[in-house]
Amino acid sequence: MNIARLATRIAAGATATVLASVALGAPAQAHGKTKPLGTKSLAAVLTADKSGFDRNSRDFDVLTAAVLAVLDAKPNSPVKVLTDGTVALTAFVPNDGAFRQLAKEVTKKRSLPTEQQAFTTVAGLGIDTVEAVLLYHVVPGATVDKKAALKADGAKLTTAAGSKITVDVSRCWYRSPRVTLIDADRNDRNAQVVVFDINKGNKQIAHAVDRVLRPVDLP
């Protein structure tokens, strides 16, 4: 699928009304502790890495650039909630490898692009599409840590884009439980959580995933 068609499908399929206010003041879920959760934002975590585009596919350079691009173009975007650590949310953050894989599929090239090239491809989808995709990775109103996620098999989580993702927890005797997120696209491998509890102890928590979640079914 070329970039123009992909952007059109996502823009048309994503909820037309992205949430203008994302569960402001919603309480965080308890982590089984009495200690209040901190207010360090996920944006602060992401922007703490100053390395920029590099060869580390496990960090979040493309995601960080995408978030900053949306906020630069649309300062009042709902994506801004990532900068407010007083608002509870759970984000599933695609690592750079996930964005490189998405860019490869979009451009139909044989080899994986660099992180810079992946960002250029993502940005080429248009700022509204990038915004919709980012919001599809955010679950507002609750702080869901690893312990809670492993108990959430079959749960349907409402994202900040207004649509849902489904949690699938698979267990096997020879490995640790695996958490997979089932998105709206039935034609691509679903994202798996590869790192839990980024920014743990705060109202805003994240889990790294190895694929970019897609808010519409794409061929």
C-alpha atoms as a PDB file:
ATOM      1  CA  MET A   1       0.000   0.000   0.000  1.00  0.00           C
ATOM      2  CA  ASN A   2       1.446   3.386  -0.912  1.00  0.00           C
ATOM      3  CA  ILE A   3       1.702   6.290   1.522  1.00  0.00           C
ATOM      4  CA  ALA A   4      -1.207   8.293   0.117  1.00  0.00           C
ATOM      5  CA  ARG A   5      -3.633   5.367   0.298  1.00  0.00           C
ATOM      6  CA  LEU A   6      -2.476   4.432   3.788  1.00  0.00           C
ATOM      7  CA  ALA A   7      -3.018   7.960   5.077  1.00  0.00           C
ATOM      8  CA  THR A   8      -6.463   8.121   3.479  1.00  0.00           C
ATOM      9  CA  ARG A   9      -7.537   4.827   5.022  1.00  0.00           C
ATOM     10  CA  ILE A  10      -6.324   5.719   8.502  1.00  0.00           C
ATOM     11  CA  ALA A  11      -7.759   9.222   8.389  1.00  0.00           C
ATOM     12  CA  ALA A  12     -11.113   7.868   7.237  1.00  0.00           C
ATOM     13  CA  GLY A  13     -11.166   4.866   9.548  1.00  0.00           C
ATOM     14  CA  ALA A  14      -9.942   6.513  12.729  1.00  0.00           C
ATOM     15  CA  THR A  15     -12.571   8.091  14.936  1.00  0.00           C
ATOM     16  CA  ALA A  16     -13.447  11.495  13.568  1.00  0.00           C
ATOM     17  CA  THR A  17     -13.697  12.940  17.042  1.00  0.00           C
ATOM     18  CA  VAL A  18     -10.384  12.425  18.800  1.00  0.00           C
ATOM     19  CA  LEU A  19     -10.919  13.189  22.454  1.00  0.00           C
ATOM     20  CA  ALA A  20     -10.494  16.878  23.120  1.00  0.00           C
ATOM     21  CA  SER A  21      -9.894  16.195  26.792  1.00  0.00           C
ATOM     22  CA  VAL A  22      -8.420  12.876  27.772  1.00  0.00           C
ATOM     23  CA  ALA A  23      -9.917  11.731  31.071  1.00  0.00           C
ATOM     24  CA  LEU A  24      -8.629  14.739  32.946  1.00  0.00           C
ATOM     25  CA  GLY A  25      -8.504  14.060  36.618  1.00  0.00           C
ATOM     26  CA  ALA A  26      -9.343  10.367  36.232  1.00  0.00           C
ATOM     27  CA  PRO A  27      -7.982   8.319  39.120  1.00  0.00           C
ATOM     28  CA  ALA A  28      -5.063   5.986  38.618  1.00  0.00           C
ATOM     29  CA  GLN A  29      -5.457   2.331  39.413  1.00  0.00           C
ATOM     30  CA  ALA A  30      -3.623   1.318  42.530  1.00  0.00           C
ATOM     31  CA  HIS A  31      -0.507  -0.792  42.156  1.00  0.00           C
ATOM     32  CA  GLY A  32      -1.265  -2.603  45.366  1.00  0.00           C
ATOM     33  CA  LYS A  33       0.616   0.146  47.205  1.00  0.00           C
ATOM     34  CA  THR A  34      -0.506   2.940  49.470  1.00  0.00           C
ATOM     35  CA  LYS A  35       2.210   5.270  48.268  1.00  0.00           C
ATOM     36  CA  PRO A  36       0.782   7.921  45.901  1.00  0.00           C
ATOM     37  CA  LEU A  37       1.876   7.654  42.303  1.00  0.00           C
ATOM     38  CA  GLY A  38       4.321  10.215  40.974  1.00  0.00           C
ATOM     39  CA  THR A  39       3.625  12.792  38.281  1.00  0.00           C
ATOM     40  CA  LYS A  40       6.586  12.405  35.923  1.00  0.00           C
ATOM     41  CA  SER A  41       5.160  12.535  32.408  1.00  0.00           C
ATOM     42  CA  LEU A  42       5.895  10.104  29.600  1.00  0.00           C
ATOM     43  CA  ALA A  43       6.977  13.036  27.455  1.00  0.00           C
ATOM     44  CA  ALA A  44       9.689  13.773  30.019  1.00  0.00           C
ATOM     45  CA  VAL A  45      10.847  10.152  29.800  1.00  0.00           C
ATOM     46  CA  LEU A  46      10.908  10.149  25.999  1.00  0.00           C
ATOM     47  CA  THR A  47      12.703  13.473  25.604  1.00  0.00           C
ATOM     48  CA  ALA A  48      15.338  12.596  28.213  1.00  0.00           C
ATOM     49  CA  ASP A  49      17.098  10.590  25.500  1.00  0.00           C
ATOM     50  CA  LYS A  50      19.085  13.181  23.540  1.00  0.00           C
ATOM     51  CA  SER A  51      20.816  10.737  21.207  1.00  0.00           C
ATOM     52  CA  GLY A  52      18.460  11.328  18.284  1.00  0.00           C
ATOM     53  CA  PHE A  53      18.149   8.877  15.400  1.00  0.00           C
ATOM     54  CA  ASP A  54      20.646   6.072  15.855  1.00  0.00           C
ATOM     55  CA  ARG A  55      21.012   2.315  15.292  1.00  0.00           C
ATOM     56  CA  ASN A  56      19.336   1.225  18.511  1.00  0.00           C
ATOM     57  CA  SER A  57      16.020  -0.283  17.438  1.00  0.00           C
ATOM     58  CA  ARG A  58      14.904  -0.775  21.028  1.00  0.00           C
ATOM     59  CA  ASP A  59      14.578   2.859  22.006  1.00  0.00           C
ATOM     60  CA  PHE A  60      11.982   5.430  20.945  1.00  0.00           C
ATOM     61  CA  ASP A  61      13.591   8.056  18.715  1.00  0.00           C
ATOM     62  CA  VAL A  62      10.975   7.850  15.941  1.00  0.00           C
ATOM     63  CA  LEU A  63       8.097   7.939  18.411  1.00  0.00           C
ATOM     64  CA  THR A  64       9.577  10.941  20.193  1.00  0.00           C
ATOM     65  CA  ALA A  65      10.038  12.791  16.898  1.00  0.00           C
ATOM     66  CA  ALA A  66       6.448  11.963  15.895  1.00  0.00           C
ATOM     67  CA  VAL A  67       5.027  13.244  19.188  1.00  0.00           C
ATOM     68  CA  LEU A  68       7.044  16.463  18.936  1.00  0.00           C
ATOM     69  CA  ALA A  69       5.991  16.950  15.311  1.00  0.00           C
ATOM     70  CA  VAL A  70       2.309  16.678  16.225  1.00  0.00           C
ATOM     71  CA  LEU A  71       2.632  19.072  19.159  1.00  0.00           C
ATOM     72  CA  ASP A  72       4.594  21.537  17.019  1.00  0.00           C
ATOM     73  CA  ALA A  73       1.910  21.530  14.327  1.00  0.00           C
ATOM     74  CA  LYS A  74      -1.058  21.268  16.702  1.00  0.00           C
ATOM     75  CA  PRO A  75      -0.148  22.633  20.168  1.00  0.00           C
ATOM     76  CA  ASN A  76      -3.588  21.796  21.547  1.00  0.00           C
ATOM     77  CA  SER A  77      -3.671  18.249  20.205  1.00  0.00           C
ATOM     78  CA  PRO A  78      -4.936  15.584  22.639  1.00  0.00           C
ATOM     79  CA  VAL A  79      -1.423  14.119  22.294  1.00  0.00           C
ATOM     80  CA  LYS A  80      -0.442  16.903  24.701  1.00  0.00           C
ATOM     81  CA  VAL A  81      -1.763  14.719  27.537  1.00  0.00           C
ATOM     82  CA  LEU A  82       1.578  12.890  27.391  1.00  0.00           C
ATOM     83  CA  THR A  83       3.195  16.042  28.797  1.00  0.00           C
ATOM     84  CA  ASP A  84       0.893  16.242  31.842  1.00  0.00           C
ATOM     85  CA  GLY A  85       2.049  13.753  34.436  1.00  0.00           C
ATOM     86  CA  THR A  86      -0.916  14.494  36.706  1.00  0.00           C
ATOM     87  CA  VAL A  87      -3.205  12.689  34.228  1.00  0.00           C
ATOM     88  CA  ALA A  88      -3.292   8.915  34.567  1.00  0.00           C
ATOM     89  CA  LEU A  89      -2.816   6.908  31.392  1.00  0.00           C
ATOM     90  CA  THR A  90      -1.214   3.814  29.960  1.00  0.00           C
ATOM     91  CA  ALA A  91       0.643   4.016  26.649  1.00  0.00           C
ATOM     92  CA  PHE A  92       1.858   1.225  24.411  1.00  0.00           C
ATOM     93  CA  VAL A  93       4.942   2.769  22.863  1.00  0.00           C
ATOM     94  CA  PRO A  94       6.318   1.336  19.595  1.00  0.00           C
ATOM     95  CA  ASN A  95      10.085   1.105  19.589  1.00  0.00           C
ATOM     96  CA  ASP A  96      12.194   2.209  16.635  1.00  0.00           C
ATOM     97  CA  GLY A  97      12.201  -1.306  15.214  1.00  0.00           C
ATOM     98  CA  ALA A  98       8.403  -1.187  15.078  1.00  0.00           C
ATOM     99  CA  PHE A  99       8.411   2.056  13.097  1.00  0.00           C
ATOM    100  CA  ARG A 100      11.106   0.777  10.745  1.00  0.00           C
ATOM    101  CA  GLN A 101       8.967  -2.291  10.037  1.00  0.00           C
ATOM    102  CA  LEU A 102       5.905  -0.113   9.389  1.00  0.00           C
ATOM    103  CA  ALA A 103       7.870   2.114   7.015  1.00  0.00           C
ATOM    104  CA  LYS A 104       9.166  -0.932   5.148  1.00  0.00           C
ATOM    105  CA  GLU A 105       5.621  -2.214   4.657  1.00  0.00           C
ATOM    106  CA  VAL A 106       4.313   1.191   3.602  1.00  0.00           C
ATOM    107  CA  THR A 107       7.047   1.776   1.021  1.00  0.00           C
ATOM    108  CA  LYS A 108       7.178  -1.894  -0.053  1.00  0.00           C
ATOM    109  CA  LYS A 109      10.966  -1.868  -0.023  1.00  0.00           C
ATOM    110  CA  ARG A 110      12.952  -5.029   0.617  1.00  0.00           C
ATOM    111  CA  SER A 111      15.228  -3.708   3.328  1.00  0.00           C
ATOM    112  CA  LEU A 112      14.476  -1.952   6.583  1.00  0.00           C
ATOM    113  CA  PRO A 113      14.916   1.825   6.425  1.00  0.00           C
ATOM    114  CA  THR A 114      17.029   3.821   8.854  1.00  0.00           C
ATOM    115  CA  GLU A 115      15.279   5.559  11.732  1.00  0.00           C
ATOM    116  CA  GLN A 116      15.510   8.880   9.886  1.00  0.00           C
ATOM    117  CA  GLN A 117      13.951   7.314   6.807  1.00  0.00           C
ATOM    118  CA  ALA A 118      11.249   5.667   8.931  1.00  0.00           C
ATOM    119  CA  PHE A 119      10.337   9.009  10.480  1.00  0.00           C
ATOM    120  CA  THR A 120      10.231  10.660   7.060  1.00  0.00           C
ATOM    121  CA  THR A 121       7.838   7.951   5.873  1.00  0.00           C
ATOM    122  CA  VAL A 122       5.641   8.317   8.951  1.00  0.00           C
ATOM    123  CA  ALA A 123       5.610  12.112   8.683  1.00  0.00           C
ATOM    124  CA  GLY A 124       4.646  11.752   5.037  1.00  0.00           C
ATOM    125  CA  LEU A 125       1.321  10.261   6.131  1.00  0.00           C
ATOM    126  CA  GLY A 126       0.234  13.722   7.243  1.00  0.00           C
ATOM    127  CA  ILE A 127       0.047  15.244  10.701  1.00  0.00           C
ATOM    128  CA  ASP A 128      -3.618  14.303  11.273  1.00  0.00           C
ATOM    129  CA  THR A 129      -2.884  10.656  10.479  1.00  0.00           C
ATOM    130  CA  VAL A 130       0.180  10.630  12.723  1.00  0.00           C
ATOM    131  CA  GLU A 131      -1.923  12.143  15.501  1.00  0.00           C
ATOM    132  CA  ALA A 132      -4.652   9.507  15.079  1.00  0.00           C
ATOM    133  CA  VAL A 133      -2.104   6.681  15.151  1.00  0.00           C
ATOM    134  CA  LEU A 134      -0.404   8.052  18.277  1.00  0.00           C
ATOM    135  CA  LEU A 135      -3.719   8.391  20.117  1.00  0.00           C
ATOM    136  CA  TYR A 136      -4.529   4.793  19.240  1.00  0.00           C
ATOM    137  CA  HIS A 137      -1.605   3.787  21.456  1.00  0.00           C
ATOM    138  CA  VAL A 138      -2.851   5.664  24.535  1.00  0.00           C
ATOM    139  CA  VAL A 139      -5.366   4.318  27.063  1.00  0.00           C
ATOM    140  CA  PRO A 140      -6.469   7.252  29.233  1.00  0.00           C
ATOM    141  CA  GLY A 141      -7.734   7.189  32.776  1.00  0.00           C
ATOM    142  CA  ALA A 142      -5.869   4.238  34.284  1.00  0.00           C
ATOM    143  CA  THR A 143      -2.344   3.232  35.227  1.00  0.00           C
ATOM    144  CA  VAL A 144      -2.059  -0.386  34.086  1.00  0.00           C
ATOM    145  CA  ASP A 145       1.213  -1.943  35.221  1.00  0.00           C
ATOM    146  CA  LYS A 146       2.599  -5.365  34.281  1.00  0.00           C
ATOM    147  CA  LYS A 147       0.821  -7.123  37.119  1.00  0.00           C
ATOM    148  CA  ALA A 148      -2.548  -5.731  36.035  1.00  0.00           C
ATOM    149  CA  ALA A 149      -1.833  -6.355  32.348  1.00  0.00           C
ATOM    150  CA  LEU A 150      -1.134 -10.038  32.950  1.00  0.00           C
ATOM    151  CA  LYS A 151      -4.594 -10.323  34.523  1.00  0.00           C
ATOM    152  CA  ALA A 152      -6.316  -8.524  31.638  1.00  0.00           C
ATOM    153  CA  ASP A 153      -6.690 -11.372  29.138  1.00  0.00           C
ATOM    154  CA  GLY A 154      -9.592 -10.580  26.820  1.00  0.00           C
ATOM    155  CA  ALA A 155      -9.986  -7.004  28.039  1.00  0.00           C
ATOM    156  CA  LYS A 156     -10.986  -4.421  25.456  1.00  0.00           C
ATOM    157  CA  LEU A 157      -9.237  -1.128  26.129  1.00  0.00           C
ATOM    158  CA  THR A 158     -10.714   2.125  24.848  1.00  0.00           C
ATOM    159  CA  THR A 159      -7.970   4.296  23.407  1.00  0.00           C
ATOM    160  CA  ALA A 160      -7.690   8.074  23.274  1.00  0.00           C
ATOM    161  CA  ALA A 161      -8.683   7.810  19.596  1.00  0.00           C
ATOM    162  CA  GLY A 162     -12.062   6.449  20.707  1.00  0.00           C
ATOM    163  CA  SER A 163     -11.577   2.946  19.268  1.00  0.00           C
ATOM    164  CA  LYS A 164     -10.510  -0.231  21.044  1.00  0.00           C
ATOM    165  CA  ILE A 165      -7.633  -2.668  21.274  1.00  0.00           C
ATOM    166  CA  THR A 166      -7.902  -6.149  22.804  1.00  0.00           C
ATOM    167  CA  VAL A 167      -5.454  -7.654  25.271  1.00  0.00           C
ATOM    168  CA  ASP A 168      -4.456 -11.284  24.720  1.00  0.00           C
ATOM    169  CA  VAL A 169      -2.382 -12.965  27.417  1.00  0.00           C
ATOM    170  CA  SER A 170      -0.898 -16.332  26.483  1.00  0.00           C
ATOM    171  CA  ARG A 171       0.836 -18.594  28.974  1.00  0.00           C
ATOM    172  CA  CYS A 172       3.156 -21.504  28.359  1.00  0.00           C
ATOM    173  CA  TRP A 173       5.145 -23.624  30.800  1.00  0.00           C
ATOM    174  CA  TYR A 174       8.486 -22.970  29.091  1.00  0.00           C
ATOM    175  CA  ARG A 175       8.392 -19.169  28.938  1.00  0.00           C
ATOM    176  CA  SER A 176       7.021 -16.105  30.678  1.00  0.00           C
ATOM    177  CA  PRO A 177       3.467 -14.972  29.875  1.00  0.00           C
ATOM    178  CA  ARG A 178       3.206 -13.032  26.620  1.00  0.00           C
ATOM    179  CA  VAL A 179       0.953  -9.995  26.192  1.00  0.00           C
ATOM    180  CA  THR A 180      -0.275  -9.330  22.651  1.00  0.00           C
ATOM    181  CA  LEU A 181      -2.391  -6.374  21.565  1.00  0.00           C
ATOM    182  CA  ILE A 182      -4.986  -7.060  18.882  1.00  0.00           C
ATOM    183  CA  ASP A 183      -5.605  -3.944  16.819  1.00  0.00           C
ATOM    184  CA  ALA A 184      -8.063  -3.191  14.024  1.00  0.00           C
ATOM    185  CA  ASP A 185      -5.807  -4.564  11.285  1.00  0.00           C
ATOM    186  CA  ARG A 186      -6.433  -8.265  10.714  1.00  0.00           C
ATOM    187  CA  ASN A 187      -3.770  -8.627   8.018  1.00  0.00           C
ATOM    188  CA  ASP A 188      -0.596  -7.892   9.944  1.00  0.00           C
ATOM    189  CA  ARG A 189       1.085  -9.498  12.942  1.00  0.00           C
ATOM    190  CA  ASN A 190      -0.207  -8.083  16.198  1.00  0.00           C
ATOM    191  CA  ALA A 191       2.053  -6.121  18.502  1.00  0.00           C
ATOM    192  CA  GLN A 192       3.653  -7.842  21.468  1.00  0.00           C
ATOM    193  CA  VAL A 193       4.799  -6.147  24.648  1.00  0.00           C
ATOM    194  CA  VAL A 194       8.585  -6.444  24.845  1.00  0.00           C
ATOM    195  CA  VAL A 195       9.291  -4.196  27.846  1.00  0.00           C
ATOM    196  CA  PHE A 196       6.919  -3.554  30.741  1.00  0.00           C
ATOM    197  CA  ASP A 197       6.551  -0.727  33.222  1.00  0.00           C
ATOM    198  CA  ILE A 198       8.407   2.200  31.686  1.00  0.00           C
ATOM    199  CA  ASN A 199       8.043   5.113  34.149  1.00  0.00           C
ATOM    200  CA  LYS A 200       6.717   2.753  36.826  1.00  0.00           C
ATOM    201  CA  GLY A 201       5.605   4.434  40.039  1.00  0.00           C
ATOM    202  CA  ASN A 202       4.023   7.323  38.167  1.00  0.00           C
ATOM    203  CA  LYS A 203       0.483   7.972  36.987  1.00  0.00           C
ATOM    204  CA  GLN A 204       1.655   7.742  33.377  1.00  0.00           C
ATOM    205  CA  ILE A 205       3.093   4.334  32.568  1.00  0.00           C
ATOM    206  CA  ALA A 206       4.160   2.742  29.294  1.00  0.00           C
ATOM    207  CA  HIS A 207       4.907  -0.652  27.829  1.00  0.00           C
ATOM    208  CA  ALA A 208       7.129  -1.005  24.758  1.00  0.00           C
ATOM    209  CA  VAL A 209       5.675  -2.903  21.785  1.00  0.00           C
ATOM    210  CA  ASP A 210       7.366  -4.341  18.701  1.00  0.00           C
ATOM    211  CA  ARG A 211       4.785  -3.247  16.125  1.00  0.00           C
ATOM    212  CA  VAL A 212       2.889  -0.031  15.460  1.00  0.00           C
ATOM    213  CA  LEU A 213      -0.799  -0.502  16.274  1.00  0.00           C
ATOM    214  CA  ARG A 214      -3.069   0.211  13.301  1.00  0.00           C
ATOM    215  CA  PRO A 215      -6.453   1.871  13.873  1.00  0.00           C
ATOM    216  CA  VAL A 216      -7.988   0.515  10.646  1.00  0.00           C
ATOM    217  CA  ASP A 217      -7.907  -2.767   8.724  1.00  0.00           C
ATOM    218  CA  LEU A 218      -5.309  -2.416   5.997  1.00  0.00           C
ATOM    219  CA  PRO A 219      -4.643  -4.883   3.152  1.00  0.00           C
END
